[in-house]
Amino acid sequence: AIMVVAEKAKRLKAEGRDIVSFSIGVPNFLPGPHVYEAVREALAKDSGQYGSNRGSDALLDAFLKHMEDTGLSGYTRANIATGIGAKHVIYNLAEALLDEGDVIAFPAPYWTTYLDIADIVNAKAVTLPCPASQDYKLTPAQLDEALATHQPKVFLFNNPSNPTGMVYSRDEIVALADVLVKYPDTWIISDDLYNRMLFDGLEYVNFVQVRPELRDRVIFIDSLSKTYGMPGWRVGFMAGPESVAKAVTTLNSNHITNIPEVTIAAAIAALSGPQDVPTQKNAEFQAKRD
């Protein structure tokens, strides 16, 4: 649905119409010059060969360092898998974790792709309404009831939220994590794409930080798209239990084989290079919002 609106907006703009599009989320800035320099170097020495289904060691190491800087430590290469954007990674996770008829639950409003992916793998989607009266946030009681009633195979959680922009506080994450601990048969996919796009003094907190015992069931999703202004480069990551990362890697071997070598060079440069772009852009976003 988002892409339908995005394509229509693009078409109307091409016709000369003055259009403001509220469709697909794009950060509207380009990565730093060091990313393009890394790409030029990679092109000059491109091998033209197949790469790793999981992602090159250098890419995995760069993402592990990125995770540590985000407050997530203790992971190894075996816990990581990559994909052609976070959307592809989430789709692979759905194929790996959900059988036909299994339940996947997530709060609403939600990113429309969640529902599409559930439909494609023949899972049953259960949406948990989070209206304005509760600040578009899921409550612990609501989560508890959903987990007890529907017994979902997967609980999919998005924080900071696309599309609402809401960010859960540490206390709110603790309260939800306390509920999740009670349901050991439910996988938790944590879609954290916007974890560095924060202002107003808000902080990013995740379930594993507040309840480490959830580590064996939580799968983190991240991407280059938003943080580094690289949505078209299509590089996504997951971090979670080794068995899940291995399953996603196996699916990659049949879906895509590998992320292209030149794209990997861009990703490593973005993750390992200067990190002032997100900070600078957050200030600009806040100014625009204000």
Protein backbone atom coordinates (compact mmCIF):
# COMPACT_ATOMS: atom_id res chain seq x y z
CA ALA A 1 0.00 0.00 0.00
CA ILE A 2 2.86 2.39 0.82
CA MET A 3 4.52 1.76 -2.54
CA VAL A 4 1.24 2.37 -4.39
CA VAL A 5 0.99 5.83 -2.81
CA ALA A 6 4.71 6.49 -3.40
CA GLU A 7 4.43 5.62 -7.10
CA LYS A 8 1.36 7.81 -7.50
CA ALA A 9 3.13 10.74 -5.83
CA LYS A 10 6.15 10.23 -8.10
CA ARG A 11 3.93 10.17 -11.18
CA LEU A 12 2.08 13.35 -10.19
CA LYS A 13 5.37 15.14 -9.49
CA ALA A 14 6.60 14.11 -12.95
CA GLU A 15 3.46 15.76 -14.37
CA GLY A 16 4.51 19.01 -12.71
CA ARG A 17 2.14 18.87 -9.74
CA ASP A 18 3.30 20.26 -6.37
CA ILE A 19 3.03 17.14 -4.21
CA VAL A 20 3.93 16.41 -0.59
CA SER A 21 4.17 12.64 -0.17
CA PHE A 22 3.49 10.96 3.17
CA SER A 23 4.15 7.49 1.80
CA ILE A 24 7.49 5.67 2.01
CA GLY A 25 9.91 6.73 4.74
CA VAL A 26 13.04 8.26 3.23
CA PRO A 27 15.59 10.28 5.22
CA ASN A 28 16.20 12.78 2.36
CA PHE A 29 19.98 13.00 2.73
CA LEU A 30 22.90 11.19 1.16
CA PRO A 31 25.71 9.32 2.93
CA GLY A 32 29.07 10.98 3.55
CA PRO A 33 31.83 11.20 0.88
CA HIS A 34 33.78 8.39 2.57
CA VAL A 35 31.04 5.95 1.50
CA TYR A 36 31.39 6.89 -2.18
CA GLU A 37 35.18 6.72 -1.93
CA ALA A 38 34.93 3.17 -0.56
CA VAL A 39 32.65 2.26 -3.46
CA ARG A 40 35.11 3.62 -6.02
CA GLU A 41 37.90 1.58 -4.45
CA ALA A 42 35.74 -1.54 -4.43
CA LEU A 43 34.87 -1.07 -8.09
CA ALA A 44 38.54 -0.76 -8.98
CA LYS A 45 39.34 -4.13 -7.43
CA ASP A 46 36.02 -5.90 -7.93
CA SER A 47 36.44 -9.67 -8.13
CA GLY A 48 33.10 -10.30 -9.80
CA GLN A 49 32.79 -13.49 -7.73
CA TYR A 50 30.07 -14.89 -5.48
CA GLY A 51 30.23 -13.77 -1.87
CA SER A 52 29.16 -15.12 1.51
CA ASN A 53 25.49 -16.01 2.06
CA ARG A 54 25.72 -14.56 5.57
CA GLY A 55 27.75 -11.47 4.66
CA SER A 56 31.50 -10.88 4.55
CA ASP A 57 33.46 -11.08 7.82
CA ALA A 58 34.36 -7.41 7.51
CA LEU A 59 30.70 -6.46 7.15
CA LEU A 60 29.65 -8.65 10.09
CA ASP A 61 32.40 -7.17 12.26
CA ALA A 62 31.38 -3.62 11.32
CA PHE A 63 27.78 -4.36 12.27
CA LEU A 64 28.85 -5.99 15.56
CA LYS A 65 30.75 -2.81 16.44
CA HIS A 66 27.67 -0.76 15.45
CA MET A 67 25.56 -2.90 17.79
CA GLU A 68 27.99 -2.40 20.67
CA ASP A 69 27.79 1.34 20.15
CA THR A 70 24.00 0.99 20.31
CA GLY A 71 24.25 -0.83 23.66
CA LEU A 72 24.04 -4.45 22.47
CA SER A 73 27.14 -6.48 23.27
CA GLY A 74 28.01 -10.17 23.56
CA TYR A 75 27.10 -11.14 19.99
CA THR A 76 29.38 -12.89 17.49
CA ARG A 77 29.41 -13.35 13.72
CA ALA A 78 27.38 -16.54 14.20
CA ASN A 79 24.54 -14.42 15.61
CA ILE A 80 24.36 -12.14 12.57
CA ALA A 81 22.79 -12.47 9.13
CA THR A 82 22.28 -9.91 6.39
CA GLY A 83 19.84 -9.31 3.58
CA ILE A 84 18.79 -7.00 0.76
CA GLY A 85 17.39 -4.44 3.19
CA ALA A 86 15.61 -4.99 6.50
CA LYS A 87 12.40 -5.84 4.63
CA HIS A 88 14.11 -8.88 3.10
CA VAL A 89 15.50 -9.92 6.49
CA ILE A 90 12.04 -9.73 8.09
CA TYR A 91 10.60 -11.78 5.24
CA ASN A 92 13.31 -14.43 5.72
CA LEU A 93 12.53 -14.49 9.44
CA ALA A 94 8.85 -15.04 8.69
CA GLU A 95 9.75 -17.99 6.45
CA ALA A 96 12.14 -19.37 9.07
CA LEU A 97 9.90 -19.01 12.13
CA LEU A 98 6.29 -19.24 10.93
CA ASP A 99 4.45 -22.25 9.57
CA GLU A 100 1.06 -22.00 7.86
CA GLY A 101 -1.57 -20.95 10.39
CA ASP A 102 0.92 -19.75 13.03
CA VAL A 103 0.09 -16.44 14.69
CA ILE A 104 2.21 -13.30 14.44
CA ALA A 105 1.08 -10.40 16.65
CA PHE A 106 2.07 -6.74 16.39
CA PRO A 107 0.79 -3.34 17.56
CA ALA A 108 -1.28 -1.10 15.27
CA PRO A 109 -0.67 1.40 13.67
CA TYR A 110 1.98 -0.69 11.90
CA TRP A 111 4.22 -0.66 8.85
CA THR A 112 2.01 -2.18 6.15
CA THR A 113 4.67 -4.65 5.01
CA TYR A 114 4.19 -6.60 8.25
CA LEU A 115 0.71 -7.62 7.17
CA ASP A 116 1.79 -8.39 3.61
CA ILE A 117 4.59 -10.68 4.80
CA ALA A 118 2.23 -12.52 7.15
CA ASP A 119 -0.17 -13.06 4.23
CA ILE A 120 2.58 -14.35 1.93
CA VAL A 121 3.73 -17.03 4.40
CA ASN A 122 0.11 -17.94 5.26
CA ALA A 123 0.45 -16.89 8.88
CA LYS A 124 -2.39 -15.37 10.88
CA ALA A 125 -1.79 -11.73 11.78
CA VAL A 126 -3.23 -10.45 15.05
CA THR A 127 -3.06 -6.67 15.38
CA LEU A 128 -3.15 -5.01 18.78
CA PRO A 129 -4.87 -1.59 18.52
CA CYS A 130 -2.93 1.27 20.12
CA PRO A 131 -5.08 4.39 19.65
CA ALA A 132 -4.24 8.01 20.41
CA SER A 133 -5.85 7.63 23.84
CA GLN A 134 -2.86 5.47 24.86
CA ASP A 135 -0.26 7.52 22.96
CA TYR A 136 -0.17 4.92 20.17
CA LYS A 137 1.70 2.59 22.53
CA LEU A 138 1.06 -1.00 23.55
CA THR A 139 0.20 -1.52 27.22
CA PRO A 140 1.51 -4.44 29.32
CA ALA A 141 -2.05 -5.62 30.03
CA GLN A 142 -2.85 -5.60 26.32
CA LEU A 143 0.29 -7.60 25.51
CA ASP A 144 -0.39 -10.07 28.33
CA GLU A 145 -3.92 -10.71 27.08
CA ALA A 146 -2.78 -11.13 23.48
CA LEU A 147 -0.01 -13.59 24.36
CA ALA A 148 -2.32 -15.62 26.60
CA THR A 149 -5.25 -15.64 24.19
CA HIS A 150 -3.59 -16.03 20.79
CA GLN A 151 -0.32 -17.75 21.80
CA PRO A 152 1.58 -16.15 18.92
CA LYS A 153 4.65 -17.86 17.53
CA VAL A 154 6.11 -14.38 16.91
CA PHE A 155 5.60 -11.01 18.58
CA LEU A 156 6.82 -8.23 16.28
CA PHE A 157 7.69 -4.96 18.00
CA ASN A 158 8.76 -1.68 16.37
CA ASN A 159 10.50 1.01 18.44
CA PRO A 160 10.89 3.89 17.61
CA SER A 161 7.64 3.44 15.74
CA ASN A 162 7.00 3.74 12.04
CA PRO A 163 4.50 5.28 11.35
CA THR A 164 3.59 6.98 14.64
CA GLY A 165 7.02 8.27 15.67
CA MET A 166 6.39 7.26 19.28
CA VAL A 167 9.34 6.10 21.40
CA TYR A 168 8.89 3.81 24.40
CA SER A 169 10.53 4.93 27.64
CA ARG A 170 12.79 2.65 29.67
CA ASP A 171 10.00 2.04 32.20
CA GLU A 172 7.60 1.12 29.39
CA ILE A 173 10.12 -1.33 27.88
CA VAL A 174 10.70 -2.90 31.31
CA ALA A 175 6.97 -3.38 31.81
CA LEU A 176 6.54 -5.07 28.41
CA ALA A 177 9.65 -7.20 28.92
CA ASP A 178 8.26 -8.42 32.26
CA VAL A 179 5.23 -9.72 30.36
CA LEU A 180 7.30 -11.36 27.61
CA VAL A 181 9.34 -13.31 30.16
CA LYS A 182 6.16 -15.18 31.12
CA TYR A 183 5.68 -16.60 27.59
CA PRO A 184 8.81 -18.59 26.68
CA ASP A 185 7.35 -20.08 23.47
CA THR A 186 7.05 -16.74 21.66
CA TRP A 187 9.84 -15.38 19.47
CA ILE A 188 10.36 -11.61 19.67
CA ILE A 189 11.36 -9.68 16.55
CA SER A 190 12.46 -6.18 17.49
CA ASP A 191 12.38 -3.85 14.49
CA ASP A 192 14.81 -1.14 15.61
CA LEU A 193 15.52 0.68 12.35
CA TYR A 194 15.09 4.14 13.83
CA ASN A 195 17.14 3.51 16.98
CA ARG A 196 19.56 6.36 16.24
CA MET A 197 17.03 8.85 14.92
CA LEU A 198 16.04 10.33 18.26
CA PHE A 199 15.71 13.80 19.67
CA ASP A 200 13.75 15.60 22.43
CA GLY A 201 16.08 13.92 24.94
CA LEU A 202 14.57 10.48 24.24
CA GLU A 203 16.67 7.30 24.48
CA TYR A 204 16.57 3.93 22.75
CA VAL A 205 16.08 0.98 25.11
CA ASN A 206 15.51 -2.64 24.12
CA PHE A 207 14.20 -5.78 25.80
CA VAL A 208 17.57 -7.52 26.18
CA GLN A 209 19.09 -4.55 27.97
CA VAL A 210 16.40 -4.62 30.67
CA ARG A 211 15.77 -8.40 30.82
CA PRO A 212 18.90 -10.26 29.62
CA GLU A 213 17.12 -13.62 29.96
CA LEU A 214 15.16 -12.72 26.80
CA ARG A 215 18.33 -12.79 24.67
CA ASP A 216 17.70 -16.34 23.43
CA ARG A 217 14.34 -15.28 21.93
CA VAL A 218 14.93 -11.72 20.72
CA ILE A 219 15.93 -11.00 17.12
CA PHE A 220 17.02 -7.45 16.39
CA ILE A 221 16.49 -5.84 12.98
CA ASP A 222 18.58 -2.91 11.73
CA SER A 223 19.47 -1.32 8.42
CA LEU A 224 21.59 1.31 6.69
CA SER A 225 18.53 2.93 5.13
CA LYS A 226 17.49 5.48 7.71
CA THR A 227 20.56 6.10 9.86
CA TYR A 228 22.96 6.67 6.98
CA GLY A 229 20.65 7.99 4.26
CA MET A 230 21.07 4.83 2.16
CA PRO A 231 17.58 3.37 1.53
CA GLY A 232 18.39 2.46 -2.09
CA TRP A 233 21.57 0.56 -1.21
CA ARG A 234 19.49 -2.22 0.37
CA VAL A 235 21.50 -3.57 3.28
CA GLY A 236 19.70 -5.01 6.31
CA PHE A 237 20.86 -6.96 9.34
CA MET A 238 19.54 -9.26 12.03
CA ALA A 239 21.14 -10.25 15.32
CA GLY A 240 19.78 -13.11 17.38
CA PRO A 241 20.19 -16.77 18.31
CA GLU A 242 22.69 -18.71 16.17
CA SER A 243 19.99 -21.12 14.95
CA VAL A 244 17.90 -18.26 13.57
CA ALA A 245 20.86 -16.53 11.92
CA LYS A 246 21.81 -19.86 10.32
CA ALA A 247 18.26 -20.34 8.98
CA VAL A 248 18.22 -16.85 7.46
CA THR A 249 21.64 -17.51 5.91
CA THR A 250 20.33 -20.75 4.38
CA LEU A 251 17.38 -18.87 2.90
CA ASN A 252 19.80 -16.27 1.51
CA SER A 253 21.68 -19.03 -0.27
CA ASN A 254 18.50 -19.82 -2.19
CA HIS A 255 17.01 -16.32 -2.51
CA ILE A 256 19.89 -13.94 -3.23
CA THR A 257 23.21 -15.83 -2.75
CA ASN A 258 24.92 -12.71 -1.41
CA ILE A 259 24.90 -8.94 -1.11
CA PRO A 260 27.00 -7.49 -3.96
CA GLU A 261 30.65 -6.76 -3.16
CA VAL A 262 30.42 -3.05 -3.99
CA THR A 263 27.37 -2.61 -1.78
CA ILE A 264 29.19 -4.35 1.06
CA ALA A 265 32.05 -1.85 0.72
CA ALA A 266 29.56 1.01 1.05
CA ALA A 267 27.97 -0.60 4.10
CA ILE A 268 31.30 -1.13 5.87
CA ALA A 269 32.30 2.47 5.20
CA ALA A 270 28.99 3.78 6.57
CA LEU A 271 29.12 1.62 9.71
CA SER A 272 32.83 2.19 10.40
CA GLY A 273 33.25 5.79 9.27
CA PRO A 274 32.33 9.11 10.91
CA GLN A 275 29.09 8.86 12.86
CA ASP A 276 28.27 12.56 12.85
CA VAL A 277 25.71 12.27 10.04
CA PRO A 278 22.86 10.86 12.20
CA THR A 279 23.56 13.39 14.96
CA GLN A 280 23.58 16.31 12.54
CA LYS A 281 20.47 15.11 10.72
CA ASN A 282 18.56 14.57 13.96
CA ALA A 283 19.06 18.24 14.77
CA GLU A 284 17.73 19.15 11.33
CA PHE A 285 14.74 16.81 11.70
CA GLN A 286 13.93 18.33 15.06
CA ALA A 287 14.11 21.83 13.59
CA LYS A 288 11.76 20.80 10.76
CA ARG A 289 9.37 19.14 13.20
CA ASP A 290 9.36 22.16 15.51
